[in-house]
Amino acid sequence: MEVTFSDDAVREIARVAAEINSTIENIGARRLHTVLERIMDEVSFTADDFAGGKNFQVTPAYVRERVSPMLVKSDLSKYIL
């Protein structure tokens, strides 16, 4: 299996990590690690579906789909005491 990231997907990953850092708690590069973990989680568990050298392309839409729950929770966390 080969995983590739489009340039726009990389930009979206960086944007999301920065947005979450600015709305919750700025933990720097650890946030980037968390975002990447969330994106790769599904890919890791379905890797056998891509056996035989198949390619999986990470796109901005896939990034948004995988991290959207993190963004919703960040909006709500501002109102929890």
C-alpha atoms as a PDB file:
ATOM      1  CA  MET A   1       0.000   0.000   0.000  1.00  0.00           C
ATOM      2  CA  GLU A   2       1.203   3.473  -0.805  1.00  0.00           C
ATOM      3  CA  VAL A   3      -0.224   6.550   0.909  1.00  0.00           C
ATOM      4  CA  THR A   4       0.235   9.913  -0.763  1.00  0.00           C
ATOM      5  CA  PHE A   5      -0.787  13.364   0.409  1.00  0.00           C
ATOM      6  CA  SER A   6      -1.758  16.053  -2.078  1.00  0.00           C
ATOM      7  CA  ASP A   7      -0.182  19.465  -1.509  1.00  0.00           C
ATOM      8  CA  ASP A   8      -3.612  20.852  -0.658  1.00  0.00           C
ATOM      9  CA  ALA A   9      -4.157  18.070   1.903  1.00  0.00           C
ATOM     10  CA  VAL A  10      -0.884  18.972   3.632  1.00  0.00           C
ATOM     11  CA  ARG A  11      -1.994  22.615   3.778  1.00  0.00           C
ATOM     12  CA  GLU A  12      -5.376  21.565   5.183  1.00  0.00           C
ATOM     13  CA  ILE A  13      -3.697  19.431   7.870  1.00  0.00           C
ATOM     14  CA  ALA A  14      -1.552  22.397   8.931  1.00  0.00           C
ATOM     15  CA  ARG A  15      -4.558  24.744   8.896  1.00  0.00           C
ATOM     16  CA  VAL A  16      -6.665  22.410  11.040  1.00  0.00           C
ATOM     17  CA  ALA A  17      -3.862  21.847  13.559  1.00  0.00           C
ATOM     18  CA  ALA A  18      -3.306  25.603  13.864  1.00  0.00           C
ATOM     19  CA  GLU A  19      -7.044  26.276  14.216  1.00  0.00           C
ATOM     20  CA  ILE A  20      -7.472  23.715  16.982  1.00  0.00           C
ATOM     21  CA  ASN A  21      -4.364  25.029  18.749  1.00  0.00           C
ATOM     22  CA  SER A  22      -5.785  28.540  18.687  1.00  0.00           C
ATOM     23  CA  THR A  23      -9.273  27.564  19.899  1.00  0.00           C
ATOM     24  CA  ILE A  24      -8.488  25.034  22.636  1.00  0.00           C
ATOM     25  CA  GLU A  25      -4.965  24.933  23.964  1.00  0.00           C
ATOM     26  CA  ASN A  26      -1.773  25.598  22.060  1.00  0.00           C
ATOM     27  CA  ILE A  27       0.239  22.405  22.386  1.00  0.00           C
ATOM     28  CA  GLY A  28       2.299  23.042  19.281  1.00  0.00           C
ATOM     29  CA  ALA A  29       3.469  20.147  17.149  1.00  0.00           C
ATOM     30  CA  ARG A  30       1.752  17.618  19.413  1.00  0.00           C
ATOM     31  CA  ARG A  31      -1.515  18.870  17.930  1.00  0.00           C
ATOM     32  CA  LEU A  32      -0.188  18.119  14.447  1.00  0.00           C
ATOM     33  CA  HIS A  33       0.575  14.590  15.615  1.00  0.00           C
ATOM     34  CA  THR A  34      -2.995  14.214  16.908  1.00  0.00           C
ATOM     35  CA  VAL A  35      -4.460  15.426  13.607  1.00  0.00           C
ATOM     36  CA  LEU A  36      -2.271  13.047  11.600  1.00  0.00           C
ATOM     37  CA  GLU A  37      -3.227  10.198  13.907  1.00  0.00           C
ATOM     38  CA  ARG A  38      -6.906  10.901  13.326  1.00  0.00           C
ATOM     39  CA  ILE A  39      -6.382  10.970   9.547  1.00  0.00           C
ATOM     40  CA  MET A  40      -4.307   7.798   9.405  1.00  0.00           C
ATOM     41  CA  ASP A  41      -6.423   5.806  11.871  1.00  0.00           C
ATOM     42  CA  GLU A  42      -8.953   4.631   9.274  1.00  0.00           C
ATOM     43  CA  VAL A  43      -6.250   4.023   6.669  1.00  0.00           C
ATOM     44  CA  SER A  44      -4.292   1.834   9.091  1.00  0.00           C
ATOM     45  CA  PHE A  45      -7.250  -0.396   9.835  1.00  0.00           C
ATOM     46  CA  THR A  46      -8.252  -0.803   6.181  1.00  0.00           C
ATOM     47  CA  ALA A  47      -4.738  -1.196   4.772  1.00  0.00           C
ATOM     48  CA  ASP A  48      -5.386  -4.770   3.697  1.00  0.00           C
ATOM     49  CA  ASP A  49      -8.025  -3.425   1.278  1.00  0.00           C
ATOM     50  CA  PHE A  50      -5.157  -1.697  -0.538  1.00  0.00           C
ATOM     51  CA  ALA A  51      -2.869  -4.730  -0.745  1.00  0.00           C
ATOM     52  CA  GLY A  52      -0.938  -5.302  -3.907  1.00  0.00           C
ATOM     53  CA  GLY A  53       0.553  -1.857  -4.219  1.00  0.00           C
ATOM     54  CA  LYS A  54      -2.680   0.090  -4.454  1.00  0.00           C
ATOM     55  CA  ASN A  55      -2.455   3.817  -3.742  1.00  0.00           C
ATOM     56  CA  PHE A  56      -4.497   5.778  -1.221  1.00  0.00           C
ATOM     57  CA  GLN A  57      -4.593   9.514  -1.896  1.00  0.00           C
ATOM     58  CA  VAL A  58      -5.218  11.803   1.093  1.00  0.00           C
ATOM     59  CA  THR A  59      -7.166  14.827  -0.123  1.00  0.00           C
ATOM     60  CA  PRO A  60      -8.367  17.988   1.635  1.00  0.00           C
ATOM     61  CA  ALA A  61     -11.909  16.569   1.646  1.00  0.00           C
ATOM     62  CA  TYR A  62     -10.706  13.385   3.368  1.00  0.00           C
ATOM     63  CA  VAL A  63      -8.813  15.465   5.940  1.00  0.00           C
ATOM     64  CA  ARG A  64     -11.942  17.516   6.718  1.00  0.00           C
ATOM     65  CA  GLU A  65     -14.072  14.364   6.935  1.00  0.00           C
ATOM     66  CA  ARG A  66     -11.715  12.728   9.438  1.00  0.00           C
ATOM     67  CA  VAL A  67     -11.079  15.767  11.659  1.00  0.00           C
ATOM     68  CA  SER A  68     -14.497  17.439  11.602  1.00  0.00           C
ATOM     69  CA  PRO A  69     -15.467  15.906  14.999  1.00  0.00           C
ATOM     70  CA  MET A  70     -12.373  17.526  16.518  1.00  0.00           C
ATOM     71  CA  LEU A  71     -13.428  20.920  15.156  1.00  0.00           C
ATOM     72  CA  VAL A  72     -16.984  20.641  16.489  1.00  0.00           C
ATOM     73  CA  LYS A  73     -15.760  19.700  19.944  1.00  0.00           C
ATOM     74  CA  SER A  74     -13.354  22.632  19.932  1.00  0.00           C
ATOM     75  CA  ASP A  75     -16.216  25.032  19.298  1.00  0.00           C
ATOM     76  CA  LEU A  76     -18.253  23.591  22.175  1.00  0.00           C
ATOM     77  CA  SER A  77     -15.341  23.385  24.603  1.00  0.00           C
ATOM     78  CA  LYS A  78     -15.257  27.188  24.902  1.00  0.00           C
ATOM     79  CA  TYR A  79     -18.613  27.073  26.694  1.00  0.00           C
ATOM     80  CA  ILE A  80     -17.886  24.273  29.167  1.00  0.00           C
ATOM     81  CA  LEU A  81     -16.824  25.454  32.596  1.00  0.00           C
END
